[in-house]
Amino acid sequence: MVVIRAFSLVSSRARTFLYLMCVALAIWVVNFARNQAAGPAPDLIVRFQHLKQLRQELEDQYIE
């Protein structure tokens, strides 16, 4: 009841924004649940090791 009254007090643009934020939150919750069901995520060091190597290669090319 209070939520419905609060939604009627905000503008159409703000209401659209709130709806989109609710959809984004729902998508995030579903993805979070899927990731939890898949098991533990790999270590961040291992995940970003390739990016560190790529950055180093790009820096080396820029210096040369």
PDB file of N, CA and C in Angstrom:
ATOM      1  N   MET A   1       0.832  -1.187   0.000  1.00  0.00           N
ATOM      2  CA  MET A   1       0.000   0.000   0.000  1.00  0.00           C
ATOM      3  C   MET A   1       0.877   1.252   0.000  1.00  0.00           C
ATOM      4  N   VAL A   2       1.854   1.288   0.894  1.00  0.00           N
ATOM      5  CA  VAL A   2       2.740   2.445   0.984  1.00  0.00           C
ATOM      6  C   VAL A   2       3.589   2.562  -0.288  1.00  0.00           C
ATOM      7  N   VAL A   3       4.021   1.407  -0.821  1.00  0.00           N
ATOM      8  CA  VAL A   3       4.836   1.416  -2.039  1.00  0.00           C
ATOM      9  C   VAL A   3       4.038   1.956  -3.215  1.00  0.00           C
ATOM     10  N   ILE A   4       2.782   1.542  -3.311  1.00  0.00           N
ATOM     11  CA  ILE A   4       1.926   2.021  -4.406  1.00  0.00           C
ATOM     12  C   ILE A   4       1.718   3.521  -4.278  1.00  0.00           C
ATOM     13  N   ARG A   5       1.494   4.010  -3.078  1.00  0.00           N
ATOM     14  CA  ARG A   5       1.313   5.444  -2.871  1.00  0.00           C
ATOM     15  C   ARG A   5       2.600   6.206  -3.205  1.00  0.00           C
ATOM     16  N   ALA A   6       3.749   5.657  -2.835  1.00  0.00           N
ATOM     17  CA  ALA A   6       5.035   6.299  -3.129  1.00  0.00           C
ATOM     18  C   ALA A   6       5.263   6.347  -4.639  1.00  0.00           C
ATOM     19  N   PHE A   7       4.898   5.283  -5.366  1.00  0.00           N
ATOM     20  CA  PHE A   7       5.071   5.278  -6.815  1.00  0.00           C
ATOM     21  C   PHE A   7       4.165   6.301  -7.485  1.00  0.00           C
ATOM     22  N   SER A   8       3.005   6.557  -6.915  1.00  0.00           N
ATOM     23  CA  SER A   8       2.103   7.532  -7.532  1.00  0.00           C
ATOM     24  C   SER A   8       2.584   8.962  -7.306  1.00  0.00           C
ATOM     25  N   LEU A   9       3.466   9.166  -6.340  1.00  0.00           N
ATOM     26  CA  LEU A   9       3.952  10.514  -6.057  1.00  0.00           C
ATOM     27  C   LEU A   9       5.135  10.921  -6.925  1.00  0.00           C
ATOM     28  N   VAL A  10       5.830   9.954  -7.531  1.00  0.00           N
ATOM     29  CA  VAL A  10       7.002  10.295  -8.330  1.00  0.00           C
ATOM     30  C   VAL A  10       6.608  10.489  -9.793  1.00  0.00           C
ATOM     31  N   SER A  11       7.464  11.173 -10.529  1.00  0.00           N
ATOM     32  CA  SER A  11       7.176  11.461 -11.926  1.00  0.00           C
ATOM     33  C   SER A  11       7.283  10.204 -12.779  1.00  0.00           C
ATOM     34  N   SER A  12       6.802  10.309 -13.987  1.00  0.00           N
ATOM     35  CA  SER A  12       6.836   9.178 -14.919  1.00  0.00           C
ATOM     36  C   SER A  12       8.267   8.766 -15.218  1.00  0.00           C
ATOM     37  N   ARG A  13       9.143   9.743 -15.384  1.00  0.00           N
ATOM     38  CA  ARG A  13      10.548   9.450 -15.684  1.00  0.00           C
ATOM     39  C   ARG A  13      11.217   8.745 -14.510  1.00  0.00           C
ATOM     40  N   ALA A  14      10.944   9.198 -13.310  1.00  0.00           N
ATOM     41  CA  ALA A  14      11.516   8.567 -12.118  1.00  0.00           C
ATOM     42  C   ALA A  14      10.941   7.168 -11.927  1.00  0.00           C
ATOM     43  N   ARG A  15       9.654   6.992 -12.217  1.00  0.00           N
ATOM     44  CA  ARG A  15       9.034   5.670 -12.098  1.00  0.00           C
ATOM     45  C   ARG A  15       9.670   4.693 -13.073  1.00  0.00           C
ATOM     46  N   THR A  16       9.915   5.141 -14.307  1.00  0.00           N
ATOM     47  CA  THR A  16      10.578   4.297 -15.301  1.00  0.00           C
ATOM     48  C   THR A  16      11.963   3.905 -14.814  1.00  0.00           C
ATOM     49  N   PHE A  17      12.696   4.857 -14.250  1.00  0.00           N
ATOM     50  CA  PHE A  17      14.030   4.576 -13.714  1.00  0.00           C
ATOM     51  C   PHE A  17      13.946   3.541 -12.604  1.00  0.00           C
ATOM     52  N   LEU A  18      12.980   3.676 -11.714  1.00  0.00           N
ATOM     53  CA  LEU A  18      12.836   2.719 -10.612  1.00  0.00           C
ATOM     54  C   LEU A  18      12.491   1.324 -11.133  1.00  0.00           C
ATOM     55  N   TYR A  19      11.626   1.244 -12.144  1.00  0.00           N
ATOM     56  CA  TYR A  19      11.302  -0.053 -12.739  1.00  0.00           C
ATOM     57  C   TYR A  19      12.552  -0.689 -13.348  1.00  0.00           C
ATOM     58  N   LEU A  20      13.336   0.108 -14.061  1.00  0.00           N
ATOM     59  CA  LEU A  20      14.559  -0.424 -14.673  1.00  0.00           C
ATOM     60  C   LEU A  20      15.555  -0.881 -13.618  1.00  0.00           C
ATOM     61  N   MET A  21      15.638  -0.155 -12.517  1.00  0.00           N
ATOM     62  CA  MET A  21      16.531  -0.569 -11.436  1.00  0.00           C
ATOM     63  C   MET A  21      16.051  -1.884 -10.808  1.00  0.00           C
ATOM     64  N   CYS A  22      14.743  -2.069 -10.708  1.00  0.00           N
ATOM     65  CA  CYS A  22      14.213  -3.338 -10.185  1.00  0.00           C
ATOM     66  C   CYS A  22      14.544  -4.482 -11.130  1.00  0.00           C
ATOM     67  N   VAL A  23      14.437  -4.249 -12.427  1.00  0.00           N
ATOM     68  CA  VAL A  23      14.786  -5.279 -13.406  1.00  0.00           C
ATOM     69  C   VAL A  23      16.278  -5.604 -13.315  1.00  0.00           C
ATOM     70  N   ALA A  24      17.124  -4.573 -13.202  1.00  0.00           N
ATOM     71  CA  ALA A  24      18.566  -4.795 -13.079  1.00  0.00           C
ATOM     72  C   ALA A  24      18.881  -5.581 -11.809  1.00  0.00           C
ATOM     73  N   LEU A  25      18.208  -5.273 -10.723  1.00  0.00           N
ATOM     74  CA  LEU A  25      18.419  -6.005  -9.471  1.00  0.00           C
ATOM     75  C   LEU A  25      18.003  -7.464  -9.621  1.00  0.00           C
ATOM     76  N   ALA A  26      16.898  -7.707 -10.306  1.00  0.00           N
ATOM     77  CA  ALA A  26      16.443  -9.087 -10.511  1.00  0.00           C
ATOM     78  C   ALA A  26      17.448  -9.865 -11.349  1.00  0.00           C
ATOM     79  N   ILE A  27      17.990  -9.239 -12.396  1.00  0.00           N
ATOM     80  CA  ILE A  27      19.001  -9.895 -13.232  1.00  0.00           C
ATOM     81  C   ILE A  27      20.242 -10.196 -12.408  1.00  0.00           C
ATOM     82  N   TRP A  28      20.663  -9.244 -11.576  1.00  0.00           N
ATOM     83  CA  TRP A  28      21.836  -9.454 -10.743  1.00  0.00           C
ATOM     84  C   TRP A  28      21.624 -10.617  -9.778  1.00  0.00           C
ATOM     85  N   VAL A  29      20.431 -10.701  -9.178  1.00  0.00           N
ATOM     86  CA  VAL A  29      20.142 -11.776  -8.224  1.00  0.00           C
ATOM     87  C   VAL A  29      20.193 -13.131  -8.923  1.00  0.00           C
ATOM     88  N   VAL A  30      19.618 -13.211 -10.135  1.00  0.00           N
ATOM     89  CA  VAL A  30      19.636 -14.475 -10.879  1.00  0.00           C
ATOM     90  C   VAL A  30      21.068 -14.865 -11.215  1.00  0.00           C
ATOM     91  N   ASN A  31      21.873 -13.916 -11.685  1.00  0.00           N
ATOM     92  CA  ASN A  31      23.273 -14.219 -12.004  1.00  0.00           C
ATOM     93  C   ASN A  31      24.054 -14.619 -10.758  1.00  0.00           C
ATOM     94  N   PHE A  32      23.795 -13.953  -9.652  1.00  0.00           N
ATOM     95  CA  PHE A  32      24.472 -14.297  -8.409  1.00  0.00           C
ATOM     96  C   PHE A  32      24.122 -15.723  -7.985  1.00  0.00           C
ATOM     97  N   ALA A  33      22.843 -16.080  -8.092  1.00  0.00           N
ATOM     98  CA  ALA A  33      22.420 -17.429  -7.726  1.00  0.00           C
ATOM     99  C   ALA A  33      23.062 -18.465  -8.647  1.00  0.00           C
ATOM    100  N   ARG A  34      23.143 -18.168  -9.925  1.00  0.00           N
ATOM    101  CA  ARG A  34      23.782 -19.100 -10.859  1.00  0.00           C
ATOM    102  C   ARG A  34      25.256 -19.282 -10.521  1.00  0.00           C
ATOM    103  N   ASN A  35      25.928 -18.182 -10.217  1.00  0.00           N
ATOM    104  CA  ASN A  35      27.350 -18.270  -9.882  1.00  0.00           C
ATOM    105  C   ASN A  35      27.569 -19.044  -8.586  1.00  0.00           C
ATOM    106  N   GLN A  36      26.692 -18.880  -7.631  1.00  0.00           N
ATOM    107  CA  GLN A  36      26.815 -19.623  -6.376  1.00  0.00           C
ATOM    108  C   GLN A  36      26.588 -21.116  -6.608  1.00  0.00           C
ATOM    109  N   ALA A  37      25.661 -21.443  -7.493  1.00  0.00           N
ATOM    110  CA  ALA A  37      25.379 -22.847  -7.782  1.00  0.00           C
ATOM    111  C   ALA A  37      26.526 -23.490  -8.569  1.00  0.00           C
ATOM    112  N   ALA A  38      27.265 -22.671  -9.337  1.00  0.00           N
ATOM    113  CA  ALA A  38      28.355 -23.200 -10.159  1.00  0.00           C
ATOM    114  C   ALA A  38      29.579 -23.549  -9.320  1.00  0.00           C
ATOM    115  N   GLY A  39      29.647 -23.062  -8.110  1.00  0.00           N
ATOM    116  CA  GLY A  39      30.795 -23.351  -7.260  1.00  0.00           C
ATOM    117  C   GLY A  39      31.658 -22.115  -7.064  1.00  0.00           C
ATOM    118  N   PRO A  40      32.757 -22.280  -6.363  1.00  0.00           N
ATOM    119  CA  PRO A  40      33.602 -21.121  -6.068  1.00  0.00           C
ATOM    120  C   PRO A  40      34.247 -20.554  -7.329  1.00  0.00           C
ATOM    121  N   ALA A  41      34.350 -19.245  -7.367  1.00  0.00           N
ATOM    122  CA  ALA A  41      34.968 -18.571  -8.511  1.00  0.00           C
ATOM    123  C   ALA A  41      36.484 -18.744  -8.449  1.00  0.00           C
ATOM    124  N   PRO A  42      37.149 -18.741  -9.612  1.00  0.00           N
ATOM    125  CA  PRO A  42      38.608 -18.845  -9.592  1.00  0.00           C
ATOM    126  C   PRO A  42      39.239 -17.628  -8.914  1.00  0.00           C
ATOM    127  N   ASP A  43      40.435 -17.824  -8.428  1.00  0.00           N
ATOM    128  CA  ASP A  43      41.146 -16.759  -7.727  1.00  0.00           C
ATOM    129  C   ASP A  43      41.364 -15.573  -8.656  1.00  0.00           C
ATOM    130  N   LEU A  44      41.239 -14.369  -8.124  1.00  0.00           N
ATOM    131  CA  LEU A  44      41.390 -13.173  -8.948  1.00  0.00           C
ATOM    132  C   LEU A  44      42.782 -13.073  -9.566  1.00  0.00           C
ATOM    133  N   ILE A  45      43.783 -13.529  -8.854  1.00  0.00           N
ATOM    134  CA  ILE A  45      45.149 -13.454  -9.397  1.00  0.00           C
ATOM    135  C   ILE A  45      45.248 -14.286 -10.666  1.00  0.00           C
ATOM    136  N   VAL A  46      44.663 -15.467 -10.644  1.00  0.00           N
ATOM    137  CA  VAL A  46      44.692 -16.336 -11.818  1.00  0.00           C
ATOM    138  C   VAL A  46      43.841 -15.742 -12.930  1.00  0.00           C
ATOM    139  N   ARG A  47      42.706 -15.165 -12.569  1.00  0.00           N
ATOM    140  CA  ARG A  47      41.788 -14.614 -13.557  1.00  0.00           C
ATOM    141  C   ARG A  47      42.400 -13.459 -14.329  1.00  0.00           C
ATOM    142  N   PHE A  48      43.130 -12.602 -13.642  1.00  0.00           N
ATOM    143  CA  PHE A  48      43.640 -11.400 -14.281  1.00  0.00           C
ATOM    144  C   PHE A  48      45.107 -11.503 -14.668  1.00  0.00           C
ATOM    145  N   GLN A  49      45.686 -12.679 -14.562  1.00  0.00           N
ATOM    146  CA  GLN A  49      47.087 -12.856 -14.932  1.00  0.00           C
ATOM    147  C   GLN A  49      47.281 -12.562 -16.420  1.00  0.00           C
ATOM    148  N   HIS A  50      46.352 -13.024 -17.238  1.00  0.00           N
ATOM    149  CA  HIS A  50      46.439 -12.772 -18.672  1.00  0.00           C
ATOM    150  C   HIS A  50      46.383 -11.273 -18.960  1.00  0.00           C
ATOM    151  N   LEU A  51      45.537 -10.541 -18.250  1.00  0.00           N
ATOM    152  CA  LEU A  51      45.433  -9.096 -18.465  1.00  0.00           C
ATOM    153  C   LEU A  51      46.725  -8.384 -18.058  1.00  0.00           C
ATOM    154  N   LYS A  52      47.362  -8.852 -17.005  1.00  0.00           N
ATOM    155  CA  LYS A  52      48.639  -8.250 -16.594  1.00  0.00           C
ATOM    156  C   LYS A  52      49.706  -8.471 -17.661  1.00  0.00           C
ATOM    157  N   GLN A  53      49.729  -9.683 -18.217  1.00  0.00           N
ATOM    158  CA  GLN A  53      50.707  -9.967 -19.262  1.00  0.00           C
ATOM    159  C   GLN A  53      50.439  -9.114 -20.493  1.00  0.00           C
ATOM    160  N   LEU A  54      49.181  -8.976 -20.862  1.00  0.00           N
ATOM    161  CA  LEU A  54      48.819  -8.167 -22.024  1.00  0.00           C
ATOM    162  C   LEU A  54      49.196  -6.710 -21.810  1.00  0.00           C
ATOM    163  N   ARG A  55      48.941  -6.199 -20.610  1.00  0.00           N
ATOM    164  CA  ARG A  55      49.301  -4.813 -20.304  1.00  0.00           C
ATOM    165  C   ARG A  55      50.810  -4.603 -20.392  1.00  0.00           C
ATOM    166  N   GLN A  56      51.555  -5.584 -19.871  1.00  0.00           N
ATOM    167  CA  GLN A  56      53.010  -5.486 -19.921  1.00  0.00           C
ATOM    168  C   GLN A  56      53.502  -5.479 -21.363  1.00  0.00           C
ATOM    169  N   GLU A  57      52.927  -6.333 -22.204  1.00  0.00           N
ATOM    170  CA  GLU A  57      53.318  -6.364 -23.612  1.00  0.00           C
ATOM    171  C   GLU A  57      53.005  -5.042 -24.309  1.00  0.00           C
ATOM    172  N   LEU A  58      51.847  -4.470 -24.003  1.00  0.00           N
ATOM    173  CA  LEU A  58      51.486  -3.193 -24.613  1.00  0.00           C
ATOM    174  C   LEU A  58      52.408  -2.071 -24.143  1.00  0.00           C
ATOM    175  N   GLU A  59      52.766  -2.086 -22.858  1.00  0.00           N
ATOM    176  CA  GLU A  59      53.692  -1.074 -22.349  1.00  0.00           C
ATOM    177  C   GLU A  59      55.063  -1.226 -23.006  1.00  0.00           C
ATOM    178  N   ASP A  60      55.515  -2.465 -23.181  1.00  0.00           N
ATOM    179  CA  ASP A  60      56.798  -2.696 -23.840  1.00  0.00           C
ATOM    180  C   ASP A  60      56.776  -2.193 -25.284  1.00  0.00           C
ATOM    181  N   GLN A  61      55.670  -2.426 -25.979  1.00  0.00           N
ATOM    182  CA  GLN A  61      55.566  -1.951 -27.363  1.00  0.00           C
ATOM    183  C   GLN A  61      55.544  -0.425 -27.417  1.00  0.00           C
ATOM    184  N   TYR A  62      54.883   0.198 -26.435  1.00  0.00           N
ATOM    185  CA  TYR A  62      54.790   1.651 -26.413  1.00  0.00           C
ATOM    186  C   TYR A  62      56.156   2.281 -26.145  1.00  0.00           C
ATOM    187  N   ILE A  63      56.952   1.650 -25.298  1.00  0.00           N
ATOM    188  CA  ILE A  63      58.274   2.181 -24.961  1.00  0.00           C
ATOM    189  C   ILE A  63      59.207   2.087 -26.165  1.00  0.00           C
ATOM    190  N   GLU A  64      59.087   1.003 -26.937  1.00  0.00           N
ATOM    191  CA  GLU A  64      59.995   0.807 -28.076  1.00  0.00           C
ATOM    192  C   GLU A  64      59.741   1.762 -29.201  1.00  0.00           C
TER     193      GLU A  64
END
